[in-house]
Amino acid sequence: MSATEEPDVHEPGADRALPLLWAGLLLGGLAVAVIALVFAWPGSESGGGRFDLGPVDDYAVGSVSTIGEGRFHLVRLGDDTFIAMSWRDPHSECAVFSRADDRWRPEIRGSFRDPCHGSSYRMDGTRVFGPSPRDLDRFVVSIVNEDVIVDTARYVCGWSPPGAECVATTPTP
């Protein structure tokens, strides 16, 4: 070896660091992709079911209850007025979430929002703005012996303006 050549310095474990880095990046990316799919997945195509949600008095006027198993939001608008709305946005099919307090837009407090494309809805499911072609879809709610019953097999498309298409191939929440 001449005086001008530098010795080959080889740190122990250096040849294993790069593959471990790539493996970590790959697993991290895969984890992010799985979480995104779980969040945005449209859900079960089971056709719905019947949910006995208990006594009417368990729900305060103005309350929003998210029923995860049924994939819907139950809203009590008045003494005898309940609405069960699908938690899927009709445009993006992402899960809409309740916004009890919106500091940026106080006029739409008590609303719902699609985090994927930004459609927003009033407390009763009426579309306020965004790319969604119609209001949130609903399910039939009935009061039987003072209990709130929601039938997700009975699907009702949200109102849409004339010319907007509302196609419900299966009654899914």
C-alpha atoms as a PDB file:
ATOM      1  CA  MET A   1       0.000   0.000   0.000  1.00  0.00           C
ATOM      2  CA  SER A   2       1.444   3.361  -0.966  1.00  0.00           C
ATOM      3  CA  ALA A   3       1.455   6.425   1.244  1.00  0.00           C
ATOM      4  CA  THR A   4      -1.180   8.193  -0.890  1.00  0.00           C
ATOM      5  CA  GLU A   5      -3.733   5.409  -0.690  1.00  0.00           C
ATOM      6  CA  GLU A   6      -6.126   5.438   2.197  1.00  0.00           C
ATOM      7  CA  PRO A   7      -6.714   2.224   4.052  1.00  0.00           C
ATOM      8  CA  ASP A   8     -10.081   0.479   3.493  1.00  0.00           C
ATOM      9  CA  VAL A   9     -11.955   1.292   6.672  1.00  0.00           C
ATOM     10  CA  HIS A  10     -14.797  -1.098   7.301  1.00  0.00           C
ATOM     11  CA  GLU A  11     -17.013  -0.493  10.280  1.00  0.00           C
ATOM     12  CA  PRO A  12     -18.537  -3.604  11.850  1.00  0.00           C
ATOM     13  CA  GLY A  13     -22.241  -3.931  10.921  1.00  0.00           C
ATOM     14  CA  ALA A  14     -22.151  -1.236   8.221  1.00  0.00           C
ATOM     15  CA  ASP A  15     -23.093  -3.714   5.511  1.00  0.00           C
ATOM     16  CA  ARG A  16     -26.253  -4.656   7.485  1.00  0.00           C
ATOM     17  CA  ALA A  17     -27.463  -1.100   8.183  1.00  0.00           C
ATOM     18  CA  LEU A  18     -28.718  -0.276   4.686  1.00  0.00           C
ATOM     19  CA  PRO A  19     -30.982  -3.341   4.287  1.00  0.00           C
ATOM     20  CA  LEU A  20     -32.402  -2.737   7.768  1.00  0.00           C
ATOM     21  CA  LEU A  21     -33.120   0.875   6.852  1.00  0.00           C
ATOM     22  CA  TRP A  22     -34.949  -0.197   3.674  1.00  0.00           C
ATOM     23  CA  ALA A  23     -36.901  -2.860   5.569  1.00  0.00           C
ATOM     24  CA  GLY A  24     -37.965  -0.276   8.166  1.00  0.00           C
ATOM     25  CA  LEU A  25     -39.084   2.181   5.487  1.00  0.00           C
ATOM     26  CA  LEU A  26     -41.011  -0.542   3.666  1.00  0.00           C
ATOM     27  CA  LEU A  27     -42.788  -1.689   6.833  1.00  0.00           C
ATOM     28  CA  GLY A  28     -43.594   1.908   7.803  1.00  0.00           C
ATOM     29  CA  GLY A  29     -45.072   2.602   4.361  1.00  0.00           C
ATOM     30  CA  LEU A  30     -47.082  -0.598   4.511  1.00  0.00           C
ATOM     31  CA  ALA A  31     -48.460   0.363   7.937  1.00  0.00           C
ATOM     32  CA  VAL A  32     -49.554   3.785   6.637  1.00  0.00           C
ATOM     33  CA  ALA A  33     -51.241   2.166   3.614  1.00  0.00           C
ATOM     34  CA  VAL A  34     -53.142  -0.319   5.812  1.00  0.00           C
ATOM     35  CA  ILE A  35     -54.333   2.435   8.150  1.00  0.00           C
ATOM     36  CA  ALA A  36     -55.514   4.521   5.180  1.00  0.00           C
ATOM     37  CA  LEU A  37     -57.426   1.560   3.724  1.00  0.00           C
ATOM     38  CA  VAL A  38     -59.108   0.749   7.034  1.00  0.00           C
ATOM     39  CA  PHE A  39     -60.193   4.380   7.379  1.00  0.00           C
ATOM     40  CA  ALA A  40     -61.526   4.780   3.850  1.00  0.00           C
ATOM     41  CA  TRP A  41     -62.841   1.261   3.169  1.00  0.00           C
ATOM     42  CA  PRO A  42     -66.530   1.449   2.258  1.00  0.00           C
ATOM     43  CA  GLY A  43     -67.548  -1.232   4.724  1.00  0.00           C
ATOM     44  CA  SER A  44     -69.599  -4.353   4.774  1.00  0.00           C
ATOM     45  CA  GLU A  45     -72.010  -5.206   2.000  1.00  0.00           C
ATOM     46  CA  SER A  46     -74.133  -7.280   4.356  1.00  0.00           C
ATOM     47  CA  GLY A  47     -77.437  -5.561   3.602  1.00  0.00           C
ATOM     48  CA  GLY A  48     -77.989  -4.138   7.071  1.00  0.00           C
ATOM     49  CA  GLY A  49     -79.958  -5.202  10.066  1.00  0.00           C
ATOM     50  CA  ARG A  50     -82.263  -4.060  12.813  1.00  0.00           C
ATOM     51  CA  PHE A  51     -80.867  -2.185  15.819  1.00  0.00           C
ATOM     52  CA  ASP A  52     -82.769  -1.705  19.079  1.00  0.00           C
ATOM     53  CA  LEU A  53     -81.016   1.313  20.574  1.00  0.00           C
ATOM     54  CA  GLY A  54     -82.884   1.481  23.858  1.00  0.00           C
ATOM     55  CA  PRO A  55     -85.262   4.013  25.389  1.00  0.00           C
ATOM     56  CA  VAL A  56     -86.029   7.333  23.716  1.00  0.00           C
ATOM     57  CA  ASP A  57     -85.124   9.132  26.942  1.00  0.00           C
ATOM     58  CA  ASP A  58     -81.502   7.933  26.657  1.00  0.00           C
ATOM     59  CA  TYR A  59     -80.990  10.462  23.837  1.00  0.00           C
ATOM     60  CA  ALA A  60     -81.020  14.200  24.530  1.00  0.00           C
ATOM     61  CA  VAL A  61     -82.523  16.572  21.981  1.00  0.00           C
ATOM     62  CA  GLY A  62     -79.670  17.744  19.730  1.00  0.00           C
ATOM     63  CA  SER A  63     -77.498  14.723  20.495  1.00  0.00           C
ATOM     64  CA  VAL A  64     -75.493  12.735  17.946  1.00  0.00           C
ATOM     65  CA  SER A  65     -74.748   9.071  18.647  1.00  0.00           C
ATOM     66  CA  THR A  66     -72.458   7.115  16.382  1.00  0.00           C
ATOM     67  CA  ILE A  67     -73.476   3.464  16.141  1.00  0.00           C
ATOM     68  CA  GLY A  68     -70.325   1.691  14.953  1.00  0.00           C
ATOM     69  CA  GLU A  69     -71.850  -1.731  14.442  1.00  0.00           C
ATOM     70  CA  GLY A  70     -74.570  -0.299  12.195  1.00  0.00           C
ATOM     71  CA  ARG A  71     -72.301   2.251  10.512  1.00  0.00           C
ATOM     72  CA  PHE A  72     -74.657   5.161  11.064  1.00  0.00           C
ATOM     73  CA  HIS A  73     -75.181   8.303  13.128  1.00  0.00           C
ATOM     74  CA  LEU A  74     -78.380   8.680  15.144  1.00  0.00           C
ATOM     75  CA  VAL A  75     -79.467  12.295  15.646  1.00  0.00           C
ATOM     76  CA  ARG A  76     -82.309  13.408  17.875  1.00  0.00           C
ATOM     77  CA  LEU A  77     -83.574  16.648  16.353  1.00  0.00           C
ATOM     78  CA  GLY A  78     -86.701  17.092  18.464  1.00  0.00           C
ATOM     79  CA  ASP A  79     -88.923  15.382  21.026  1.00  0.00           C
ATOM     80  CA  ASP A  80     -90.154  12.741  18.575  1.00  0.00           C
ATOM     81  CA  THR A  81     -87.773  13.370  15.681  1.00  0.00           C
ATOM     82  CA  PHE A  82     -84.902  10.959  15.150  1.00  0.00           C
ATOM     83  CA  ILE A  83     -82.794  10.606  12.008  1.00  0.00           C
ATOM     84  CA  ALA A  84     -80.426   7.724  11.291  1.00  0.00           C
ATOM     85  CA  MET A  85     -77.892   8.682   8.629  1.00  0.00           C
ATOM     86  CA  SER A  86     -75.316   6.526   6.931  1.00  0.00           C
ATOM     87  CA  TRP A  87     -71.828   7.509   7.981  1.00  0.00           C
ATOM     88  CA  ARG A  88     -70.617   7.024   4.398  1.00  0.00           C
ATOM     89  CA  ASP A  89     -70.278  10.068   2.195  1.00  0.00           C
ATOM     90  CA  PRO A  90     -72.306   9.501  -1.013  1.00  0.00           C
ATOM     91  CA  HIS A  91     -69.455  10.898  -3.128  1.00  0.00           C
ATOM     92  CA  SER A  92     -66.250   9.480  -1.641  1.00  0.00           C
ATOM     93  CA  GLU A  93     -67.682   6.699   0.553  1.00  0.00           C
ATOM     94  CA  CYS A  94     -65.337   7.808   3.347  1.00  0.00           C
ATOM     95  CA  ALA A  95     -66.723   7.806   6.865  1.00  0.00           C
ATOM     96  CA  VAL A  96     -68.148  11.215   7.790  1.00  0.00           C
ATOM     97  CA  PHE A  97     -67.623  12.374  11.347  1.00  0.00           C
ATOM     98  CA  SER A  98     -69.608  14.600  13.652  1.00  0.00           C
ATOM     99  CA  ARG A  99     -68.311  18.102  14.324  1.00  0.00           C
ATOM    100  CA  ALA A 100     -69.854  19.216  17.583  1.00  0.00           C
ATOM    101  CA  ASP A 101     -67.870  22.458  17.478  1.00  0.00           C
ATOM    102  CA  ASP A 102     -66.360  24.054  14.407  1.00  0.00           C
ATOM    103  CA  ARG A 103     -64.317  27.114  15.335  1.00  0.00           C
ATOM    104  CA  TRP A 104     -63.587  27.994  11.697  1.00  0.00           C
ATOM    105  CA  ARG A 105     -67.179  27.952  10.497  1.00  0.00           C
ATOM    106  CA  PRO A 106     -69.514  28.644  13.452  1.00  0.00           C
ATOM    107  CA  GLU A 107     -72.571  28.649  11.171  1.00  0.00           C
ATOM    108  CA  ILE A 108     -72.224  24.880  10.662  1.00  0.00           C
ATOM    109  CA  ARG A 109     -71.654  23.757  14.243  1.00  0.00           C
ATOM    110  CA  GLY A 110     -73.311  20.452  14.955  1.00  0.00           C
ATOM    111  CA  SER A 111     -72.558  19.187  11.471  1.00  0.00           C
ATOM    112  CA  PHE A 112     -70.882  16.294   9.697  1.00  0.00           C
ATOM    113  CA  ARG A 113     -67.802  16.363   7.470  1.00  0.00           C
ATOM    114  CA  ASP A 114     -66.142  14.049   4.965  1.00  0.00           C
ATOM    115  CA  PRO A 115     -62.388  14.149   5.698  1.00  0.00           C
ATOM    116  CA  CYS A 116     -61.483  12.733   2.271  1.00  0.00           C
ATOM    117  CA  HIS A 117     -63.055  15.315  -0.063  1.00  0.00           C
ATOM    118  CA  GLY A 118     -64.471  17.950   2.268  1.00  0.00           C
ATOM    119  CA  SER A 119     -68.230  17.635   1.799  1.00  0.00           C
ATOM    120  CA  SER A 120     -70.078  19.067   4.794  1.00  0.00           C
ATOM    121  CA  TYR A 121     -73.593  18.379   6.028  1.00  0.00           C
ATOM    122  CA  ARG A 122     -75.985  19.944   8.521  1.00  0.00           C
ATOM    123  CA  MET A 123     -77.149  18.137  11.629  1.00  0.00           C
ATOM    124  CA  ASP A 124     -80.099  16.698   9.654  1.00  0.00           C
ATOM    125  CA  GLY A 125     -77.798  15.337   6.894  1.00  0.00           C
ATOM    126  CA  THR A 126     -78.529  18.093   4.351  1.00  0.00           C
ATOM    127  CA  ARG A 127     -75.517  18.826   2.146  1.00  0.00           C
ATOM    128  CA  VAL A 128     -74.047  22.285   2.791  1.00  0.00           C
ATOM    129  CA  PHE A 129     -71.084  22.268   0.405  1.00  0.00           C
ATOM    130  CA  GLY A 130     -68.550  20.002  -1.248  1.00  0.00           C
ATOM    131  CA  PRO A 131     -68.417  17.582  -4.153  1.00  0.00           C
ATOM    132  CA  SER A 132     -71.092  15.211  -2.844  1.00  0.00           C
ATOM    133  CA  PRO A 133     -74.055  15.041  -5.238  1.00  0.00           C
ATOM    134  CA  ARG A 134     -76.673  14.624  -2.513  1.00  0.00           C
ATOM    135  CA  ASP A 135     -77.567  14.637   1.162  1.00  0.00           C
ATOM    136  CA  LEU A 136     -76.467  11.824   3.463  1.00  0.00           C
ATOM    137  CA  ASP A 137     -78.414   8.625   2.941  1.00  0.00           C
ATOM    138  CA  ARG A 138     -80.839   7.604   5.675  1.00  0.00           C
ATOM    139  CA  PHE A 139     -82.311   4.567   7.323  1.00  0.00           C
ATOM    140  CA  VAL A 140     -85.813   4.048   8.663  1.00  0.00           C
ATOM    141  CA  VAL A 141     -86.221   4.952  12.351  1.00  0.00           C
ATOM    142  CA  SER A 142     -89.239   3.922  14.385  1.00  0.00           C
ATOM    143  CA  ILE A 143     -90.265   4.184  18.016  1.00  0.00           C
ATOM    144  CA  VAL A 144     -91.641   0.907  19.382  1.00  0.00           C
ATOM    145  CA  ASN A 145     -92.669   0.724  23.063  1.00  0.00           C
ATOM    146  CA  GLU A 146     -90.601   3.874  23.740  1.00  0.00           C
ATOM    147  CA  ASP A 147     -87.461   2.242  22.244  1.00  0.00           C
ATOM    148  CA  VAL A 148     -85.590   3.638  19.230  1.00  0.00           C
ATOM    149  CA  ILE A 149     -85.386   1.073  16.410  1.00  0.00           C
ATOM    150  CA  VAL A 150     -83.230   1.612  13.301  1.00  0.00           C
ATOM    151  CA  ASP A 151     -83.560  -0.699  10.307  1.00  0.00           C
ATOM    152  CA  THR A 152     -80.449  -0.410   8.121  1.00  0.00           C
ATOM    153  CA  ALA A 153     -81.915  -2.838   5.594  1.00  0.00           C
ATOM    154  CA  ARG A 154     -84.399  -0.096   4.674  1.00  0.00           C
ATOM    155  CA  TYR A 155     -82.226   2.352   2.773  1.00  0.00           C
ATOM    156  CA  VAL A 156     -83.377   5.777   1.589  1.00  0.00           C
ATOM    157  CA  CYS A 157     -81.176   7.802  -0.786  1.00  0.00           C
ATOM    158  CA  GLY A 158     -80.474  11.344   0.331  1.00  0.00           C
ATOM    159  CA  TRP A 159     -82.246  14.141  -1.515  1.00  0.00           C
ATOM    160  CA  SER A 160     -80.434  15.286  -4.628  1.00  0.00           C
ATOM    161  CA  PRO A 161     -81.102  18.135  -7.061  1.00  0.00           C
ATOM    162  CA  PRO A 162     -82.885  17.346 -10.338  1.00  0.00           C
ATOM    163  CA  GLY A 163     -80.599  15.511 -12.721  1.00  0.00           C
ATOM    164  CA  ALA A 164     -78.327  14.102  -9.991  1.00  0.00           C
ATOM    165  CA  GLU A 165     -78.199  10.342 -10.011  1.00  0.00           C
ATOM    166  CA  CYS A 166     -78.978   8.325  -6.891  1.00  0.00           C
ATOM    167  CA  VAL A 167     -78.226   4.676  -7.404  1.00  0.00           C
ATOM    168  CA  ALA A 168     -78.439   2.339  -4.456  1.00  0.00           C
ATOM    169  CA  THR A 169     -77.526  -1.104  -5.732  1.00  0.00           C
ATOM    170  CA  THR A 170     -77.641  -2.649  -2.274  1.00  0.00           C
ATOM    171  CA  PRO A 171     -79.063  -1.249   0.959  1.00  0.00           C
ATOM    172  CA  THR A 172     -75.758  -0.853   2.741  1.00  0.00           C
ATOM    173  CA  PRO A 173     -74.884   1.706   5.399  1.00  0.00           C
END
